[in-house]
Structures are given as C-alpha cells and as structure tokens.
N, C-alpha and C. Protein backbone atom coordinates (compact mmCIF):
# COMPACT_ATOMS: atom_id res chain seq x y z
N MET A 1 85.02 84.48 101.71
CA MET A 1 85.68 83.90 100.54
C MET A 1 87.20 83.88 100.79
N GLU A 2 87.78 82.79 100.43
CA GLU A 2 89.24 82.63 100.59
C GLU A 2 89.89 82.72 99.21
N ALA A 3 91.09 83.25 99.22
CA ALA A 3 91.89 83.27 97.98
C ALA A 3 93.34 82.92 98.36
N ARG A 4 94.00 82.22 97.48
CA ARG A 4 95.34 81.77 97.80
C ARG A 4 96.30 82.15 96.66
N ALA A 5 97.56 82.31 97.05
CA ALA A 5 98.64 82.52 96.06
C ALA A 5 99.83 81.69 96.49
N ILE A 6 100.45 81.09 95.50
CA ILE A 6 101.60 80.21 95.78
C ILE A 6 102.78 80.60 94.91
N ALA A 7 103.94 80.67 95.50
CA ALA A 7 105.17 80.89 94.74
C ALA A 7 106.04 79.66 95.01
N ARG A 8 106.39 78.98 93.95
CA ARG A 8 107.14 77.73 94.11
C ARG A 8 108.55 77.90 93.52
N PHE A 9 109.49 77.11 94.07
CA PHE A 9 110.87 77.08 93.63
C PHE A 9 111.54 78.46 93.67
N VAL A 10 111.25 79.18 94.71
CA VAL A 10 111.81 80.54 94.86
C VAL A 10 113.17 80.44 95.54
N ARG A 11 114.14 81.23 95.05
CA ARG A 11 115.50 81.17 95.54
C ARG A 11 115.72 81.96 96.81
N TYR A 12 114.93 81.66 97.83
CA TYR A 12 115.10 82.24 99.16
C TYR A 12 115.12 81.07 100.13
N ALA A 13 115.94 81.16 101.16
CA ALA A 13 115.96 80.10 102.17
C ALA A 13 114.65 80.16 102.97
N PRO A 14 114.03 78.99 103.20
CA PRO A 14 112.73 78.98 103.88
C PRO A 14 112.80 79.61 105.29
N ARG A 15 113.91 79.43 105.93
CA ARG A 15 114.05 79.97 107.29
C ARG A 15 113.95 81.51 107.29
N LYS A 16 114.56 82.11 106.27
CA LYS A 16 114.55 83.58 106.19
C LYS A 16 113.18 84.10 105.77
N VAL A 17 112.48 83.39 104.90
CA VAL A 17 111.15 83.80 104.52
C VAL A 17 110.19 83.65 105.70
N ASN A 18 110.39 82.62 106.50
CA ASN A 18 109.50 82.40 107.63
C ASN A 18 109.66 83.52 108.68
N GLN A 19 110.81 84.13 108.78
CA GLN A 19 111.01 85.27 109.68
C GLN A 19 110.08 86.41 109.32
N VAL A 20 109.89 86.60 108.03
CA VAL A 20 109.01 87.70 107.55
C VAL A 20 107.55 87.28 107.77
N LEU A 21 107.23 86.02 107.51
CA LEU A 21 105.85 85.55 107.63
C LEU A 21 105.33 85.62 109.05
N THR A 22 106.19 85.36 110.03
CA THR A 22 105.75 85.41 111.42
C THR A 22 105.32 86.79 111.82
N VAL A 23 105.87 87.80 111.18
CA VAL A 23 105.50 89.19 111.51
C VAL A 23 104.13 89.53 110.98
N ILE A 24 103.76 89.02 109.78
CA ILE A 24 102.51 89.44 109.16
C ILE A 24 101.38 88.42 109.32
N ARG A 25 101.66 87.28 109.89
CA ARG A 25 100.62 86.25 109.99
C ARG A 25 99.45 86.74 110.87
N ASN A 26 98.22 86.48 110.44
CA ASN A 26 96.95 86.88 111.10
C ASN A 26 96.77 88.36 111.20
N GLN A 27 97.35 89.13 110.32
CA GLN A 27 97.20 90.58 110.30
C GLN A 27 96.23 90.96 109.20
N ARG A 28 95.69 92.20 109.31
CA ARG A 28 94.89 92.73 108.20
C ARG A 28 95.83 92.99 107.04
N VAL A 29 95.31 92.94 105.81
CA VAL A 29 96.16 93.10 104.61
C VAL A 29 96.79 94.48 104.56
N GLU A 30 96.03 95.53 104.92
CA GLU A 30 96.59 96.91 104.88
C GLU A 30 97.76 97.00 105.85
N LYS A 31 97.58 96.46 107.04
CA LYS A 31 98.60 96.48 108.07
C LYS A 31 99.81 95.69 107.61
N ALA A 32 99.60 94.56 106.98
CA ALA A 32 100.69 93.71 106.49
C ALA A 32 101.53 94.43 105.46
N PHE A 33 100.88 95.11 104.52
CA PHE A 33 101.64 95.86 103.51
C PHE A 33 102.47 96.97 104.18
N GLU A 34 101.90 97.62 105.18
CA GLU A 34 102.62 98.66 105.90
C GLU A 34 103.83 98.11 106.62
N ILE A 35 103.65 96.96 107.26
CA ILE A 35 104.75 96.31 108.00
C ILE A 35 105.85 95.90 107.03
N LEU A 36 105.46 95.33 105.89
CA LEU A 36 106.44 94.83 104.92
C LEU A 36 107.26 95.98 104.33
N SER A 37 106.67 97.15 104.22
CA SER A 37 107.41 98.25 103.62
C SER A 37 108.55 98.72 104.54
N PHE A 38 108.47 98.43 105.85
CA PHE A 38 109.49 98.88 106.77
C PHE A 38 110.40 97.78 107.31
N LEU A 39 110.17 96.54 106.91
CA LEU A 39 111.03 95.44 107.38
C LEU A 39 112.33 95.42 106.61
N PRO A 40 113.48 95.32 107.30
CA PRO A 40 114.77 95.32 106.59
C PRO A 40 115.23 93.94 106.18
N LYS A 41 114.38 93.17 105.50
CA LYS A 41 114.73 91.82 105.05
C LYS A 41 114.54 91.74 103.53
N ASN A 42 115.39 90.94 102.89
CA ASN A 42 115.29 90.77 101.46
C ASN A 42 114.05 89.98 101.06
N ALA A 43 113.59 89.10 101.92
CA ALA A 43 112.46 88.24 101.61
C ALA A 43 111.14 89.04 101.57
N THR A 44 111.15 90.28 102.05
CA THR A 44 109.90 91.06 102.05
C THR A 44 109.41 91.29 100.65
N GLU A 45 110.29 91.43 99.69
CA GLU A 45 109.89 91.66 98.28
C GLU A 45 109.05 90.45 97.80
N LEU A 46 109.53 89.25 98.09
CA LEU A 46 108.83 88.06 97.67
C LEU A 46 107.49 87.96 98.38
N VAL A 47 107.46 88.17 99.66
CA VAL A 47 106.20 88.03 100.45
C VAL A 47 105.20 89.07 99.97
N GLU A 48 105.68 90.28 99.70
CA GLU A 48 104.76 91.35 99.25
C GLU A 48 104.17 90.99 97.88
N LYS A 49 105.01 90.43 97.01
CA LYS A 49 104.54 90.04 95.66
C LYS A 49 103.48 88.95 95.77
N VAL A 50 103.71 87.95 96.61
CA VAL A 50 102.74 86.84 96.76
C VAL A 50 101.46 87.34 97.43
N LEU A 51 101.61 88.25 98.40
CA LEU A 51 100.43 88.81 99.09
C LEU A 51 99.58 89.62 98.11
N LYS A 52 100.22 90.39 97.26
CA LYS A 52 99.45 91.15 96.22
C LYS A 52 98.71 90.19 95.31
N SER A 53 99.35 89.07 94.97
CA SER A 53 98.72 88.09 94.09
C SER A 53 97.51 87.48 94.78
N ALA A 54 97.63 87.19 96.07
CA ALA A 54 96.52 86.58 96.82
C ALA A 54 95.36 87.57 96.90
N VAL A 55 95.66 88.84 97.13
CA VAL A 55 94.62 89.87 97.18
C VAL A 55 93.96 90.02 95.81
N ALA A 56 94.73 89.95 94.74
CA ALA A 56 94.16 90.05 93.40
C ALA A 56 93.29 88.85 93.10
N ASN A 57 93.70 87.67 93.59
CA ASN A 57 92.88 86.45 93.41
C ASN A 57 91.57 86.58 94.18
N ALA A 58 91.55 87.36 95.23
CA ALA A 58 90.29 87.58 95.98
C ALA A 58 89.43 88.61 95.26
N GLY A 59 90.00 89.31 94.29
CA GLY A 59 89.24 90.28 93.51
C GLY A 59 89.13 91.63 94.18
N LYS A 60 90.02 91.93 95.10
CA LYS A 60 89.95 93.20 95.82
C LYS A 60 91.27 93.94 95.73
N LEU A 61 91.88 93.98 94.55
CA LEU A 61 93.19 94.61 94.43
C LEU A 61 93.15 96.12 94.67
N LYS A 62 92.06 96.77 94.24
CA LYS A 62 91.99 98.21 94.40
C LYS A 62 91.62 98.62 95.82
N ASP A 63 90.74 97.86 96.45
CA ASP A 63 90.32 98.18 97.82
C ASP A 63 90.38 96.89 98.63
N PHE A 64 91.50 96.67 99.32
CA PHE A 64 91.62 95.43 100.08
C PHE A 64 91.30 95.60 101.54
N SER A 65 90.45 96.56 101.87
CA SER A 65 89.99 96.66 103.24
C SER A 65 88.99 95.50 103.47
N GLY A 66 89.05 94.95 104.63
CA GLY A 66 88.17 93.82 104.94
C GLY A 66 88.80 92.47 104.64
N LEU A 67 90.06 92.47 104.21
CA LEU A 67 90.76 91.22 103.98
C LEU A 67 91.78 91.00 105.11
N LYS A 68 91.97 89.74 105.46
CA LYS A 68 92.91 89.36 106.53
C LYS A 68 93.72 88.18 106.06
N ILE A 69 94.94 88.11 106.50
CA ILE A 69 95.81 86.97 106.15
C ILE A 69 95.41 85.83 107.07
N LYS A 70 94.76 84.82 106.49
CA LYS A 70 94.31 83.67 107.29
C LYS A 70 95.48 82.72 107.60
N GLU A 71 96.19 82.35 106.56
CA GLU A 71 97.32 81.44 106.72
C GLU A 71 98.46 81.91 105.84
N ALA A 72 99.68 81.66 106.35
CA ALA A 72 100.86 81.96 105.55
C ALA A 72 101.94 80.98 106.00
N TRP A 73 102.44 80.21 105.05
CA TRP A 73 103.48 79.26 105.43
C TRP A 73 104.48 79.10 104.31
N VAL A 74 105.63 78.58 104.66
CA VAL A 74 106.71 78.37 103.68
C VAL A 74 107.20 76.94 103.90
N GLY A 75 107.46 76.28 102.76
CA GLY A 75 108.01 74.90 102.83
C GLY A 75 109.32 74.84 102.09
N GLN A 76 110.07 73.80 102.40
CA GLN A 76 111.38 73.61 101.79
C GLN A 76 111.20 73.09 100.36
N GLY A 77 111.90 73.74 99.42
CA GLY A 77 111.91 73.25 98.04
C GLY A 77 113.16 72.41 97.83
N PRO A 78 113.43 72.04 96.61
CA PRO A 78 114.62 71.26 96.32
C PRO A 78 115.88 72.09 96.58
N THR A 79 116.90 71.43 97.08
CA THR A 79 118.18 72.11 97.37
C THR A 79 119.09 71.94 96.18
N LEU A 80 119.66 73.05 95.70
CA LEU A 80 120.57 73.01 94.59
C LEU A 80 121.98 72.86 95.15
N LYS A 81 122.69 71.81 94.67
CA LYS A 81 124.07 71.58 95.13
C LYS A 81 125.03 72.25 94.19
N ARG A 82 125.93 73.04 94.74
CA ARG A 82 126.93 73.76 93.92
C ARG A 82 128.31 73.47 94.47
N MET A 83 129.33 73.77 93.62
CA MET A 83 130.73 73.56 94.01
C MET A 83 131.48 74.87 93.95
N ARG A 84 132.42 75.01 94.87
CA ARG A 84 133.26 76.21 94.94
C ARG A 84 134.71 75.71 95.01
N PRO A 85 135.60 76.41 94.36
CA PRO A 85 137.01 75.97 94.46
C PRO A 85 137.54 76.05 95.88
N GLY A 86 138.26 75.02 96.28
CA GLY A 86 138.84 75.00 97.62
C GLY A 86 140.36 74.93 97.54
N PRO A 87 141.01 74.80 98.65
CA PRO A 87 142.46 74.76 98.68
C PRO A 87 143.03 73.49 98.05
N MET A 88 144.20 73.59 97.48
CA MET A 88 144.93 72.45 96.88
C MET A 88 144.13 71.77 95.79
N GLY A 89 143.36 72.51 95.03
CA GLY A 89 142.68 71.94 93.87
C GLY A 89 141.40 71.21 94.19
N ARG A 90 140.99 71.21 95.41
CA ARG A 90 139.77 70.49 95.77
C ARG A 90 138.55 71.35 95.53
N GLY A 91 137.41 70.69 95.53
CA GLY A 91 136.14 71.41 95.37
C GLY A 91 135.35 71.31 96.68
N LEU A 92 134.83 72.41 97.13
CA LEU A 92 134.03 72.41 98.34
C LEU A 92 132.57 72.64 97.94
N GLY A 93 131.68 71.81 98.47
CA GLY A 93 130.28 71.92 98.11
C GLY A 93 129.53 72.89 99.02
N TYR A 94 128.50 73.49 98.46
CA TYR A 94 127.59 74.28 99.27
C TYR A 94 126.21 74.14 98.67
N LYS A 95 125.18 74.48 99.45
CA LYS A 95 123.81 74.23 99.05
C LYS A 95 123.06 75.56 98.91
N ARG A 96 122.31 75.65 97.81
CA ARG A 96 121.43 76.81 97.58
C ARG A 96 120.03 76.35 97.86
N LYS A 97 119.41 76.88 98.88
CA LYS A 97 118.11 76.41 99.26
C LYS A 97 117.00 77.15 98.52
N THR A 98 115.93 76.43 98.22
CA THR A 98 114.75 77.04 97.59
C THR A 98 113.55 76.80 98.52
N SER A 99 112.46 77.51 98.23
CA SER A 99 111.32 77.39 99.09
C SER A 99 110.01 77.52 98.28
N HIS A 100 108.91 77.02 98.86
CA HIS A 100 107.59 77.17 98.32
C HIS A 100 106.79 78.01 99.32
N LEU A 101 106.25 79.14 98.87
CA LEU A 101 105.54 80.07 99.76
C LEU A 101 104.05 80.05 99.40
N THR A 102 103.21 79.96 100.45
CA THR A 102 101.75 79.97 100.25
C THR A 102 101.14 80.97 101.22
N ILE A 103 100.27 81.84 100.68
CA ILE A 103 99.55 82.79 101.49
C ILE A 103 98.07 82.67 101.16
N ILE A 104 97.23 82.58 102.20
CA ILE A 104 95.78 82.52 102.03
C ILE A 104 95.17 83.73 102.71
N VAL A 105 94.37 84.49 101.97
CA VAL A 105 93.66 85.64 102.57
C VAL A 105 92.15 85.32 102.57
N THR A 106 91.48 85.92 103.56
CA THR A 106 90.05 85.70 103.69
C THR A 106 89.37 86.99 104.13
N ASP A 107 88.05 87.05 103.80
CA ASP A 107 87.27 88.20 104.27
C ASP A 107 86.32 87.76 105.38
N GLU A 108 86.39 86.51 105.80
CA GLU A 108 85.52 86.01 106.85
C GLU A 108 86.10 86.34 108.23
N GLY A 109 85.26 86.74 109.13
CA GLY A 109 85.70 86.98 110.49
C GLY A 109 86.52 88.25 110.67
N VAL A 110 86.49 89.13 109.68
CA VAL A 110 87.22 90.38 109.79
C VAL A 110 86.31 91.42 110.42
N VAL A 111 86.75 91.91 111.57
CA VAL A 111 85.95 92.89 112.29
C VAL A 111 86.32 94.27 111.75
N PRO A 112 85.31 95.11 111.46
CA PRO A 112 85.68 96.43 110.95
C PRO A 112 86.49 97.21 111.99
N GLU A 113 87.36 98.04 111.50
CA GLU A 113 88.26 98.78 112.36
C GLU A 113 87.49 99.75 113.22
N LYS A 114 87.75 99.72 114.51
CA LYS A 114 87.05 100.62 115.44
C LYS A 114 87.78 101.96 115.50
N ARG A 115 87.00 103.00 115.37
CA ARG A 115 87.58 104.33 115.49
C ARG A 115 86.98 105.00 116.74
N LYS A 116 87.83 105.58 117.50
CA LYS A 116 87.37 106.22 118.74
C LYS A 116 86.70 107.53 118.38
N LYS A 117 85.52 107.72 118.96
CA LYS A 117 84.81 108.98 118.74
C LYS A 117 85.21 109.95 119.84
N LYS A 118 85.44 111.16 119.44
CA LYS A 118 85.79 112.19 120.40
C LYS A 118 84.49 112.79 120.97
N ASN A 119 84.41 112.87 122.28
CA ASN A 119 83.28 113.47 122.92
C ASN A 119 83.54 114.97 123.04
N VAL A 120 82.75 115.74 122.33
CA VAL A 120 82.89 117.18 122.32
C VAL A 120 81.74 117.76 123.11
N GLU A 121 82.10 118.54 124.13
CA GLU A 121 81.08 119.18 124.94
C GLU A 121 80.91 120.61 124.51
N GLN A 122 79.69 121.11 124.67
CA GLN A 122 79.41 122.51 124.33
C GLN A 122 79.78 123.35 125.55
N VAL A 123 80.80 124.18 125.41
CA VAL A 123 81.28 125.04 126.50
C VAL A 123 81.38 126.43 125.96
N SER A 124 80.99 127.41 126.82
CA SER A 124 81.13 128.79 126.36
C SER A 124 82.61 129.20 126.35
N VAL A 125 82.95 130.14 125.53
CA VAL A 125 84.34 130.53 125.32
C VAL A 125 84.85 131.42 126.46
N ALA A 126 84.02 132.25 127.08
CA ALA A 126 84.46 133.23 128.07
C ALA A 126 85.19 132.57 129.29
N PRO A 127 84.64 131.54 129.91
CA PRO A 127 85.37 130.93 131.05
C PRO A 127 86.71 130.33 130.64
N VAL A 128 86.78 129.80 129.44
CA VAL A 128 88.02 129.20 128.99
C VAL A 128 89.10 130.28 128.83
N VAL A 129 88.77 131.40 128.25
CA VAL A 129 89.71 132.48 128.06
C VAL A 129 90.19 133.02 129.41
N GLU A 130 89.27 133.13 130.38
CA GLU A 130 89.65 133.59 131.71
C GLU A 130 90.60 132.61 132.39
N SER A 131 90.30 131.32 132.23
CA SER A 131 91.17 130.31 132.90
C SER A 131 92.54 130.30 132.27
N ILE A 132 92.65 130.55 131.00
CA ILE A 132 93.96 130.62 130.31
C ILE A 132 94.73 131.85 130.82
N ALA A 133 94.05 132.97 130.99
CA ALA A 133 94.71 134.17 131.46
C ALA A 133 95.24 133.97 132.87
N VAL A 134 94.45 133.33 133.72
CA VAL A 134 94.85 133.05 135.11
C VAL A 134 96.03 132.08 135.12
N ALA A 135 96.00 131.07 134.27
CA ALA A 135 97.05 130.08 134.23
C ALA A 135 98.37 130.70 133.76
N THR A 136 98.30 131.63 132.82
CA THR A 136 99.56 132.25 132.34
C THR A 136 100.12 133.19 133.38
N GLU A 137 99.28 133.80 134.20
CA GLU A 137 99.79 134.68 135.26
C GLU A 137 100.49 133.84 136.35
N LYS A 138 99.95 132.67 136.66
CA LYS A 138 100.51 131.81 137.72
C LYS A 138 101.73 131.05 137.23
N ALA A 139 101.81 130.85 135.93
CA ALA A 139 102.90 130.01 135.41
C ALA A 139 104.26 130.68 135.57
N GLU A 140 105.18 129.88 136.03
CA GLU A 140 106.56 130.37 136.19
C GLU A 140 107.41 129.80 135.05
N VAL A 141 108.35 130.55 134.65
CA VAL A 141 109.25 130.08 133.58
C VAL A 141 110.22 129.10 134.19
N PRO A 142 110.28 127.88 133.69
CA PRO A 142 111.17 126.90 134.28
C PRO A 142 112.64 127.28 134.03
N VAL A 143 113.43 127.03 135.03
CA VAL A 143 114.86 127.30 134.92
C VAL A 143 115.53 126.16 134.20
N LYS A 144 116.31 126.49 133.22
CA LYS A 144 116.96 125.45 132.45
C LYS A 144 118.08 124.84 133.27
N LYS A 145 118.06 123.53 133.39
CA LYS A 145 119.08 122.84 134.16
C LYS A 145 120.30 122.56 133.26
N VAL A 146 121.46 122.82 133.81
CA VAL A 146 122.70 122.57 133.07
C VAL A 146 123.23 121.22 133.53
N ARG A 147 123.62 120.42 132.59
CA ARG A 147 124.15 119.12 132.95
C ARG A 147 125.47 119.25 133.64
N LYS A 148 125.79 118.28 134.49
CA LYS A 148 127.04 118.31 135.24
C LYS A 148 128.25 118.25 134.27
N THR A 149 128.11 117.51 133.22
CA THR A 149 129.23 117.42 132.24
C THR A 149 129.52 118.76 131.63
N ALA A 150 128.48 119.54 131.39
CA ALA A 150 128.70 120.87 130.80
C ALA A 150 129.44 121.78 131.78
N LYS A 151 129.09 121.66 133.08
CA LYS A 151 129.77 122.44 134.10
C LYS A 151 131.23 122.04 134.18
N LYS A 152 131.51 120.74 134.11
CA LYS A 152 132.89 120.25 134.17
C LYS A 152 133.71 120.78 133.00
N THR A 153 133.12 120.77 131.82
CA THR A 153 133.88 121.25 130.64
C THR A 153 134.13 122.75 130.76
N GLU A 154 133.19 123.50 131.32
CA GLU A 154 133.41 124.96 131.54
C GLU A 154 134.55 125.18 132.51
N LYS A 155 134.59 124.40 133.58
CA LYS A 155 135.68 124.54 134.56
C LYS A 155 137.01 124.22 133.95
N LYS A 156 137.04 123.13 133.13
CA LYS A 156 138.31 122.77 132.47
C LYS A 156 138.78 123.88 131.52
N ALA A 157 137.84 124.48 130.82
CA ALA A 157 138.19 125.56 129.88
C ALA A 157 138.76 126.76 130.65
N GLU A 158 138.14 127.06 131.82
CA GLU A 158 138.65 128.16 132.63
C GLU A 158 140.06 127.89 133.13
N LYS A 159 140.31 126.65 133.56
CA LYS A 159 141.67 126.30 134.02
C LYS A 159 142.69 126.41 132.93
N LYS A 160 142.32 125.98 131.74
CA LYS A 160 143.25 126.09 130.61
C LYS A 160 143.60 127.52 130.28
N THR A 161 142.60 128.39 130.31
CA THR A 161 142.88 129.79 130.02
C THR A 161 143.75 130.41 131.12
N GLU A 162 143.55 130.00 132.36
CA GLU A 162 144.40 130.48 133.46
C GLU A 162 145.84 130.02 133.28
N LYS A 163 146.02 128.74 132.88
CA LYS A 163 147.36 128.22 132.68
C LYS A 163 148.06 128.96 131.53
N LYS A 164 147.31 129.22 130.45
CA LYS A 164 147.91 129.95 129.33
C LYS A 164 148.35 131.37 129.75
N ALA A 165 147.51 131.98 130.56
CA ALA A 165 147.86 133.35 131.01
C ALA A 165 149.11 133.31 131.90
N VAL A 166 149.22 132.28 132.76
CA VAL A 166 150.39 132.13 133.64
C VAL A 166 151.64 131.89 132.79
N LYS A 167 151.53 131.05 131.76
CA LYS A 167 152.68 130.77 130.88
C LYS A 167 153.14 132.00 130.14
N LYS A 168 152.20 132.82 129.67
CA LYS A 168 152.56 134.08 128.96
C LYS A 168 153.30 135.02 129.91
N GLU A 169 152.81 135.10 131.15
CA GLU A 169 153.45 135.98 132.16
C GLU A 169 154.86 135.53 132.46
N THR A 170 155.06 134.20 132.59
CA THR A 170 156.40 133.68 132.88
C THR A 170 157.33 133.81 131.65
N ALA A 171 156.76 133.70 130.48
CA ALA A 171 157.57 133.84 129.27
C ALA A 171 157.99 135.31 129.07
N GLU A 172 157.18 136.26 129.47
CA GLU A 172 157.52 137.67 129.32
C GLU A 172 158.60 138.07 130.29
N LYS A 173 158.68 137.43 131.45
CA LYS A 173 159.71 137.77 132.43
C LYS A 173 161.00 137.27 131.98
C-alpha cells in the first residue's frame, strides 16, 4: 500500500530541500527519521513533518516498521518578488523562492531487517580460566611512548631553568 503527503507553497528554496531529500530517498522510515534528527539543515523540519504525515496517511503512525520511502521529490513553487532599499534611493529586487514537496511511502518490497545471530559454543570453564592465567603471566606491560614534542618541551624547560640559575649567579656577583 502506498501513501503520500504533499506540502505546497512552502517557504523553502527547492534546492535546499532537495539536499535533504537526497539523503533519505529510498531509506526505511525509521532510518530516515534517525538521519533527519542529526542533519544540520533547516529544511529537515519540513521534510520530517511531511514524512510523518505520509506515515500517518499509511495508517502506521505508532509502528512504522516495514515502511520505506518510495519516492521523494521537490518542485519549484511560485517565486515571490520583493524589494529592498538600495543606494541613492533606488530599489533592488530579490526573490523569495517557494517549493512543493511530495513524499510517497510504501510497504511493498520492504525486506525485514536482518539480525546477525551469535554462534555460542558450549565450552567448559576450566580451560578458559587456565588460558587466561597463562596469558596474564606472558603478557608484558607496554612501555608508554613519549612523543618527540614532549621531549623537546622538557629540554626547553631545562634550558630555561639553567639560564635563570646563571642569571641569578651573575646578579649576585
């Protein structure tokens, strides 16, 4: 079953909305909501609202597992022409773009999510404990490596203290 939601005459530039749509196109609905929550774009609010509406139109607002975004597109709406004051009393024009957003969700062709099963073997505990004890005996404590920059700063600090000591000795004489 397909369900669609349309938002028309929305005050977002179509190019900016399309940037968000390319990220979620052909994704599962759960994954799309997760992606939208972390995208740093203003248009994500609009896309999320329309996606929720499409899911509600499908009748699966509470449990939208098994839904996939089949199609998502944005079209250019009417452009609003505005004027801004310019130099020497002139008016400079600029355009406020609007868009029409459509999202279609479907439950057809959605493959259930595969979960990897862990293969657990039955092993007695005694050999494992012995192998851990042997491994800890053989293990050596790794020596912490000091970065070259840290060594250089230590040398510089030593030189400064030596210079200060020499200056104090010369000042006392």
